[in-house]
Every structure is written in C-alpha cells, then in structure tokens.
C-alpha cells in the first residue's frame, strides 16, 4: 500500500488539498488508482448507486464486504476506506470492532468510516489497530431521525454541537473527518480547529479535501443531482448512444463483420 494514514495527515500539514472518490467494483477502482486518486471510499452509497435501494439503510455487511474485496483487487496504491453499514456498529462496541475487523481481515480495506459521534467505538478501533475516518453533519444512516436529507449545523446551537463532536472524534483517534451537508462557514471553523484533515461533500471549499460519489461525477445518475455534485462527464448519454449503435449494427447485419470474426 502506497498511501497510509501518515500520508493523509501529512497532506494537511503541508497545506496540500487532496481527493477521495467512491468505487464499488474492480475496473472502476483500477481506473481511479491509475489516475492517482489517493483515497477510495467503498461507500454505503453502494445501496442506491449499484443495488437500487432507496436509502443506504438496507445494505448489509456481506454486500459491503463483497464490493470492498472487488475494489481491493483493483487498487494497489490508494488507501481503501470501507463504510460501516447501518447496524453493523451501533448496537455495541464489540459488534463494531468485530465487523470493522472483517473489512481489514477479509476484504482488504485499510480503514473504516463511521457515521456520527461514536467516540467510544472509534477509540476502541484505533486501539485495535483499525484506522478510523469520522463522518459528521448530514449522516445518511440517520436520515429518518434527521427528518430527511437536510443541511445540518445552520443554527449556532447545532453548529457548536458539530464543532464539539469533531474535537471529541479527533481525541478518539480518527485520522480524517468527512463533513457532509453543512454550511461552508461551519466547515471552515472545523477545518481550522482540528489537526486531522477534513473531507467535504456539500460542505463548501474550505475543507482539506473533497469527495464525490463517482456516479454523480461521471453523469451516470437518474434525474437531478444534489446541489453539491458537479457532473464532469455525461456517461449516461455516451453509454446510451453506444448500446443503441451496437443494436442498430446487429439488426442491420453489420456486426460482427469480417474484422471481428475468426477464420
């Protein structure tokens, strides 16, 4: 593994911005790795973007392990972070340690990500040699408790709470912190207050790093995109055009031609 926890911390120390992207399979992980993306997240966003669930809640440990294995086979240089799925760590610290360990032992991940202020578990994982990425702000696994996908930390009370949680997570030993769906001014305050890198998604430009869901970045989504997501390509249209061209060639008898046949 080329990228380590020490490297991630060093990015912030040098004032060097970096990127993280999601991947869910071998070929995508290989492309991201060869493109030089330093951190690949096997996100529980797998639920909606690959498996067709409505939220992240239904995705299971076995599904997350399956896709993490595929990503680990494709990426040789990037740090691979696996999302801990819903109820894989909330019931007890023991469950959390056991399931987090499976990502490293069975699936080839280098670290895990936890949503919310799970201080005790984060500290226990670090004590057991499992690097932890934190996640505060809009935490999709708590979508029902939050009343939907709403920006968090807009009131001074909520902002102070999230700022305090970030400091407590840092004390618990996390090596980085995802900030999702918070005002950019709050993300700036947190980024300046803690020593570990912040990774923003819908948190404005002041974080130490940025992450996007790859299907959003590539324009593979259906319908509208979140406000914070910028499609850098329109692969949905490209794929549609390609498969329709193939179908037309087959119907017309133009494929396969002599060049694509064995003799």
Protein backbone atom coordinates (compact mmCIF):
# COMPACT_ATOMS: atom_id res chain seq x y z
CA UNK A 1 0.00 0.00 0.00
CA UNK A 2 1.44 3.34 -1.02
CA UNK A 3 -0.94 5.75 0.73
CA UNK A 4 -1.05 5.47 4.52
CA UNK A 5 -2.68 7.25 7.44
CA UNK A 6 0.55 9.18 7.88
CA UNK A 7 0.34 10.39 4.27
CA UNK A 8 -3.24 11.59 4.77
CA UNK A 9 -2.26 13.57 7.85
CA UNK A 10 0.77 14.97 6.01
CA UNK A 11 -1.44 16.41 3.28
CA UNK A 12 -2.95 18.77 5.84
CA UNK A 13 0.37 19.56 7.46
CA UNK A 14 1.72 20.66 4.07
CA UNK A 15 -1.47 22.54 3.18
CA UNK A 16 -1.95 20.22 0.21
CA UNK A 17 -5.53 19.55 -0.91
CA UNK A 18 -6.44 16.02 -1.97
CA UNK A 19 -9.36 14.00 -3.29
CA UNK A 20 -11.41 10.96 -2.35
CA UNK A 21 -13.87 9.19 -4.66
CA UNK A 22 -16.23 6.27 -4.26
CA UNK A 23 -15.75 2.99 -6.10
CA UNK A 24 -17.72 -0.24 -5.89
CA UNK A 25 -16.01 -2.64 -8.30
CA UNK A 26 -12.67 -3.83 -9.71
CA UNK A 27 -12.48 -1.92 -13.02
CA UNK A 28 -13.53 1.41 -11.50
CA UNK A 29 -11.08 1.02 -8.62
CA UNK A 30 -8.29 0.26 -11.06
CA UNK A 31 -9.08 3.36 -13.13
CA UNK A 32 -9.18 5.63 -10.05
CA UNK A 33 -5.97 4.11 -8.74
CA UNK A 34 -4.14 4.59 -12.03
CA UNK A 35 -5.48 8.17 -12.17
CA UNK A 36 -3.72 8.88 -8.87
CA UNK A 37 -6.72 9.27 -6.56
CA UNK A 38 -5.16 8.78 -3.10
CA UNK A 39 -8.25 7.61 -1.18
CA UNK A 40 -11.03 5.35 -2.46
CA UNK A 41 -14.19 5.02 -0.39
CA UNK A 42 -16.31 1.90 -0.75
CA UNK A 43 -19.31 3.89 0.36
CA UNK A 44 -22.59 2.55 1.63
CA UNK A 45 -23.92 4.75 -1.20
CA UNK A 46 -23.45 1.41 -2.95
CA UNK A 47 -27.02 0.86 -1.75
CA UNK A 48 -28.58 3.39 -4.12
CA UNK A 49 -25.97 3.61 -6.87
CA UNK A 50 -25.37 -0.09 -7.51
CA UNK A 51 -28.01 -2.15 -5.73
CA UNK A 52 -31.05 0.04 -6.34
CA UNK A 53 -32.17 0.60 -2.74
CA UNK A 54 -33.98 3.81 -1.82
CA UNK A 55 -31.58 4.67 1.06
CA UNK A 56 -28.32 3.38 2.50
CA UNK A 57 -30.12 1.57 5.33
CA UNK A 58 -30.77 -1.84 3.68
CA UNK A 59 -27.18 -2.53 2.54
CA UNK A 60 -25.66 -5.42 4.51
CA UNK A 61 -22.22 -6.30 5.83
CA UNK A 62 -21.96 -9.13 3.30
CA UNK A 63 -22.78 -6.80 0.41
CA UNK A 64 -20.25 -4.24 1.63
CA UNK A 65 -17.58 -6.91 2.09
CA UNK A 66 -18.24 -8.31 -1.39
CA UNK A 67 -17.74 -4.95 -3.08
CA UNK A 68 -14.80 -3.98 -0.88
CA UNK A 69 -13.00 -7.16 -1.98
CA UNK A 70 -13.51 -6.19 -5.61
CA UNK A 71 -12.17 -2.68 -5.03
CA UNK A 72 -9.17 -4.02 -3.12
CA UNK A 73 -8.28 -6.25 -6.05
CA UNK A 74 -8.34 -3.24 -8.38
CA UNK A 75 -6.48 -0.60 -6.35
CA UNK A 76 -2.84 -1.14 -5.46
CA UNK A 77 -1.72 2.33 -4.38
CA UNK A 78 -4.76 4.14 -2.96
CA UNK A 79 -5.94 3.87 0.62
CA UNK A 80 -9.20 1.91 0.65
CA UNK A 81 -11.77 3.02 3.21
CA UNK A 82 -14.87 0.89 3.80
CA UNK A 83 -18.13 2.32 5.09
CA UNK A 84 -19.55 0.55 8.11
CA UNK A 85 -23.20 -0.15 7.16
CA UNK A 86 -26.24 0.59 9.28
CA UNK A 87 -26.46 -1.50 12.48
CA UNK A 88 -23.03 -3.06 11.95
CA UNK A 89 -21.61 -0.93 14.78
CA UNK A 90 -24.43 0.92 16.58
CA UNK A 91 -25.56 -1.93 18.84
CA UNK A 92 -22.33 -2.48 20.78
CA UNK A 93 -18.63 -1.66 20.69
CA UNK A 94 -17.90 -5.38 20.45
CA UNK A 95 -20.04 -5.71 17.31
CA UNK A 96 -18.36 -2.65 15.84
CA UNK A 97 -14.83 -3.94 16.45
CA UNK A 98 -15.71 -7.38 15.06
CA UNK A 99 -17.31 -6.04 11.90
CA UNK A 100 -14.66 -3.40 11.29
CA UNK A 101 -12.01 -6.08 11.65
CA UNK A 102 -13.70 -8.11 8.92
CA UNK A 103 -13.19 -5.28 6.43
CA UNK A 104 -9.44 -5.37 7.04
CA UNK A 105 -9.03 -9.11 7.57
CA UNK A 106 -11.40 -10.47 4.90
CA UNK A 107 -11.84 -7.70 2.34
CA UNK A 108 -8.51 -5.88 2.08
CA UNK A 109 -9.62 -2.45 3.31
CA UNK A 110 -7.10 -0.24 5.09
CA UNK A 111 -9.56 1.76 7.22
CA UNK A 112 -13.25 2.09 8.04
CA UNK A 113 -15.63 5.05 8.17
CA UNK A 114 -18.16 5.62 10.97
CA UNK A 115 -21.11 7.98 10.85
CA UNK A 116 -21.88 10.11 13.86
CA UNK A 117 -20.18 10.83 17.20
CA UNK A 118 -19.17 7.24 18.01
CA UNK A 119 -16.31 8.24 20.32
CA UNK A 120 -16.02 5.04 22.33
CA UNK A 121 -16.05 2.80 19.27
CA UNK A 122 -13.58 4.99 17.38
CA UNK A 123 -11.17 4.81 20.29
CA UNK A 124 -11.61 1.03 20.58
CA UNK A 125 -10.97 0.52 16.86
CA UNK A 126 -7.83 2.64 16.93
CA UNK A 127 -6.65 0.72 19.98
CA UNK A 128 -7.10 -2.49 17.98
CA UNK A 129 -5.08 -1.12 15.07
CA UNK A 130 -8.01 -0.23 12.81
CA UNK A 131 -7.75 3.31 11.33
CA UNK A 132 -10.99 5.29 11.53
CA UNK A 133 -12.41 8.04 9.32
CA UNK A 134 -15.15 10.02 11.05
CA UNK A 135 -18.31 11.45 9.44
CA UNK A 136 -20.38 14.33 10.83
CA UNK A 137 -23.09 16.69 9.63
CA UNK A 138 -25.64 15.07 7.36
CA UNK A 139 -25.30 11.38 8.16
CA UNK A 140 -27.46 9.37 5.72
CA UNK A 141 -27.84 6.41 8.07
CA UNK A 142 -29.81 8.77 10.35
CA UNK A 143 -31.97 10.14 7.55
CA UNK A 144 -35.23 9.30 9.34
CA UNK A 145 -34.11 10.82 12.64
CA UNK A 146 -33.00 13.98 10.81
CA UNK A 147 -36.32 14.31 9.00
CA UNK A 148 -34.79 13.83 5.57
CA UNK A 149 -31.67 14.91 3.73
CA UNK A 150 -31.34 18.34 5.32
CA UNK A 151 -28.32 20.61 5.74
CA UNK A 152 -27.06 20.33 9.32
CA UNK A 153 -25.47 22.96 11.57
CA UNK A 154 -27.33 26.03 10.35
CA UNK A 155 -28.24 27.24 13.84
CA UNK A 156 -25.48 28.34 16.19
CA UNK A 157 -26.54 25.64 18.65
CA UNK A 158 -26.23 22.87 16.07
CA UNK A 159 -23.01 24.32 14.70
CA UNK A 160 -21.47 24.38 18.17
CA UNK A 161 -22.54 20.78 18.74
CA UNK A 162 -20.96 19.57 15.48
CA UNK A 163 -17.81 21.56 16.21
CA UNK A 164 -17.59 19.93 19.63
CA UNK A 165 -18.22 16.47 18.16
CA UNK A 166 -15.38 16.97 15.68
CA UNK A 167 -12.98 17.75 18.53
CA UNK A 168 -14.12 14.73 20.51
CA UNK A 169 -13.69 12.46 17.49
CA UNK A 170 -10.19 13.80 16.96
CA UNK A 171 -9.39 12.95 20.58
CA UNK A 172 -10.76 9.45 19.93
CA UNK A 173 -8.03 8.94 17.35
CA UNK A 174 -9.64 9.39 13.92
CA UNK A 175 -7.21 10.17 11.08
CA UNK A 176 -9.66 12.24 8.99
CA UNK A 177 -13.21 13.56 9.11
CA UNK A 178 -15.90 13.71 6.44
CA UNK A 179 -18.16 16.76 6.72
CA UNK A 180 -21.38 16.32 4.76
CA UNK A 181 -24.18 18.80 4.17
CA UNK A 182 -23.03 21.62 6.45
CA UNK A 183 -22.64 25.37 5.80
CA UNK A 184 -19.25 26.27 4.39
CA UNK A 185 -18.61 28.65 7.28
CA UNK A 186 -19.00 25.79 9.77
CA UNK A 187 -16.73 23.53 7.72
CA UNK A 188 -14.14 26.31 7.73
CA UNK A 189 -14.35 26.61 11.52
CA UNK A 190 -13.95 22.85 12.00
CA UNK A 191 -11.10 22.62 9.48
CA UNK A 192 -9.23 25.31 11.39
CA UNK A 193 -9.98 23.82 14.80
CA UNK A 194 -8.83 20.21 14.35
CA UNK A 195 -5.49 18.81 13.24
CA UNK A 196 -6.78 15.91 11.12
CA UNK A 197 -7.87 16.56 7.52
CA UNK A 198 -11.50 17.38 6.79
CA UNK A 199 -13.08 15.90 3.66
CA UNK A 200 -16.04 17.85 2.36
CA UNK A 201 -19.13 16.78 0.44
CA UNK A 202 -21.65 19.58 0.32
CA UNK A 203 -19.52 21.46 2.86
CA UNK A 204 -18.04 24.24 0.75
CA UNK A 205 -14.49 25.00 -0.41
CA UNK A 206 -12.65 25.30 2.90
CA UNK A 207 -12.14 21.60 3.71
CA UNK A 208 -8.74 19.98 3.29
CA UNK A 209 -10.13 17.50 0.73
CA UNK A 210 -13.24 16.84 -1.33
CA UNK A 211 -15.19 13.65 -2.04
CA UNK A 212 -17.91 12.93 -4.58
CA UNK A 213 -19.96 9.87 -5.39
CA UNK A 214 -18.46 8.64 -8.66
CA UNK A 215 -21.80 8.12 -10.40
CA UNK A 216 -22.55 11.82 -9.83
CA UNK A 217 -19.13 12.91 -11.09
CA UNK A 218 -19.48 10.81 -14.26
CA UNK A 219 -23.05 11.87 -15.03
CA UNK A 220 -24.47 8.39 -14.52
CA UNK A 221 -27.28 9.44 -12.23
CA UNK A 222 -31.01 9.37 -12.90
CA UNK A 223 -32.93 12.61 -12.58
CA UNK A 224 -31.46 15.63 -10.82
CA UNK A 225 -28.14 15.77 -8.98
CA UNK A 226 -27.53 17.11 -5.48
CA UNK A 227 -26.63 20.80 -5.34
CA UNK A 228 -23.08 19.99 -4.26
CA UNK A 229 -22.44 17.47 -7.06
CA UNK A 230 -20.81 18.55 -10.33
CA UNK A 231 -21.03 16.08 -13.23
CA UNK A 232 -17.68 16.21 -15.04
CA UNK A 233 -18.94 13.96 -17.84
CA UNK A 234 -22.21 12.71 -19.35
CA UNK A 235 -21.52 9.00 -19.46
CA UNK A 236 -25.20 8.12 -19.28
CA UNK A 237 -25.69 9.65 -22.73
CA UNK A 238 -22.44 8.12 -24.01
CA UNK A 239 -23.47 4.65 -22.86
CA UNK A 240 -26.97 5.03 -24.31
CA UNK A 241 -25.52 6.07 -27.68
CA UNK A 242 -23.04 3.18 -27.67
CA UNK A 243 -25.57 0.44 -26.92
CA UNK A 244 -28.05 1.85 -29.44
CA UNK A 245 -25.32 1.91 -32.11
CA UNK A 246 -24.49 -1.72 -31.31
CA UNK A 247 -28.16 -2.70 -31.55
CA UNK A 248 -28.56 -0.97 -34.90
CA UNK A 249 -25.46 -2.73 -36.31
CA UNK A 250 -26.74 -6.12 -35.16
CA UNK A 251 -30.21 -5.59 -36.63
CA UNK A 252 -28.70 -4.37 -39.92
CA UNK A 253 -26.31 -7.31 -40.12
CA UNK A 254 -23.25 -5.02 -39.92
CA UNK A 255 -21.87 -6.61 -36.73
CA UNK A 256 -19.95 -8.77 -36.48
CA UNK A 257 -18.13 -8.03 -39.76
CA UNK A 258 -15.08 -9.82 -41.22
CA UNK A 259 -12.70 -7.87 -39.00
CA UNK A 260 -14.46 -9.14 -35.90
CA UNK A 261 -14.84 -12.77 -36.95
CA UNK A 262 -12.47 -15.76 -36.63
CA UNK A 263 -11.23 -17.63 -39.69
